[in-house]
Amino acid sequence: MQGHAVAKDIWQWCVAKGILLISSYINTKDNFVTDALSLCNADEHDFNLDKIENKFGRPKFDLFASYMTRK
């Protein structure tokens, strides 16, 4: 199962249980392994927000941006 599918399954499980997920920033010095792995390879699921921006306008935050897709 790909990472995005796992994240979706976790999200749906939390919604069903009434659990609120909150993201938070972890400094690179405290999260260096994950940070390094995130820079390795983009896959077909890494994309930018151009299509969404064209339809809905520019969002204030992109919670799903990676280092390669951030604007």
Protein backbone atom coordinates (compact mmCIF):
# COMPACT_ATOMS: atom_id res chain seq x y z
CA MET A 1 0.00 0.00 0.00
CA GLN A 2 1.42 3.38 -0.97
CA GLY A 3 1.95 6.15 1.59
CA HIS A 4 -0.95 8.25 0.35
CA ALA A 5 -3.36 5.32 0.60
CA VAL A 6 -2.15 4.60 4.14
CA ALA A 7 -2.62 8.26 5.10
CA LYS A 8 -6.14 8.20 3.66
CA ASP A 9 -6.99 5.02 5.58
CA ILE A 10 -5.68 6.54 8.81
CA TRP A 11 -7.64 9.75 8.16
CA GLN A 12 -10.88 7.85 7.51
CA TRP A 13 -10.38 5.69 10.60
CA CYS A 14 -9.87 8.81 12.73
CA VAL A 15 -12.95 10.51 11.28
CA ALA A 16 -15.04 7.41 12.04
CA LYS A 17 -13.75 7.44 15.64
CA GLY A 18 -14.17 11.21 16.09
CA ILE A 19 -10.43 11.75 16.40
CA LEU A 20 -8.99 15.09 15.25
CA LEU A 21 -5.56 14.90 13.61
CA ILE A 22 -3.29 17.91 13.95
CA SER A 23 -0.01 18.33 12.10
CA SER A 24 2.97 20.02 13.68
CA TYR A 25 6.45 21.11 12.66
CA ILE A 26 9.44 19.03 13.75
CA ASN A 27 12.82 20.71 13.35
CA THR A 28 15.21 19.00 10.90
CA LYS A 29 17.82 18.49 13.64
CA ASP A 30 15.26 16.42 15.56
CA ASN A 31 13.90 14.63 12.49
CA PHE A 32 16.96 14.28 10.26
CA VAL A 33 16.31 10.72 9.02
CA THR A 34 12.77 11.44 7.83
CA ASP A 35 13.87 14.78 6.44
CA ALA A 36 16.65 13.16 4.40
CA LEU A 37 14.33 10.43 3.12
CA SER A 38 11.77 13.01 2.01
CA LEU A 39 14.33 14.51 -0.37
CA CYS A 40 15.17 11.22 -2.14
CA ASN A 41 12.60 10.70 -4.86
CA ALA A 42 9.37 12.26 -6.00
CA ASP A 43 6.72 9.82 -7.15
CA GLU A 44 3.64 10.14 -9.33
CA HIS A 45 1.69 11.41 -6.29
CA ASP A 46 3.95 14.44 -5.77
CA PHE A 47 2.37 17.34 -7.62
CA ASN A 48 1.73 21.03 -7.26
CA LEU A 49 -1.49 22.96 -6.74
CA ASP A 50 -1.80 24.55 -10.18
CA LYS A 51 -5.05 22.77 -11.09
CA ILE A 52 -6.64 23.54 -7.72
CA GLU A 53 -5.48 27.17 -7.89
CA ASN A 54 -6.98 27.53 -11.37
CA LYS A 55 -10.35 26.34 -10.11
CA PHE A 56 -10.53 27.74 -6.55
CA GLY A 57 -7.81 30.39 -6.28
CA ARG A 58 -4.55 30.32 -4.31
CA PRO A 59 -4.83 28.73 -0.84
CA LYS A 60 -3.20 30.36 2.17
CA PHE A 61 -1.48 27.12 3.22
CA ASP A 62 -0.34 23.99 1.37
CA LEU A 63 -0.33 21.30 4.06
CA PHE A 64 0.64 18.63 1.53
CA ALA A 65 3.67 20.31 -0.04
CA SER A 66 6.96 18.49 -0.14
CA TYR A 67 10.38 20.11 -0.50
CA MET A 68 10.12 19.55 -4.25
CA THR A 69 6.59 20.90 -4.72
CA ARG A 70 6.46 23.82 -2.29
CA LYS A 71 5.87 27.30 -3.66
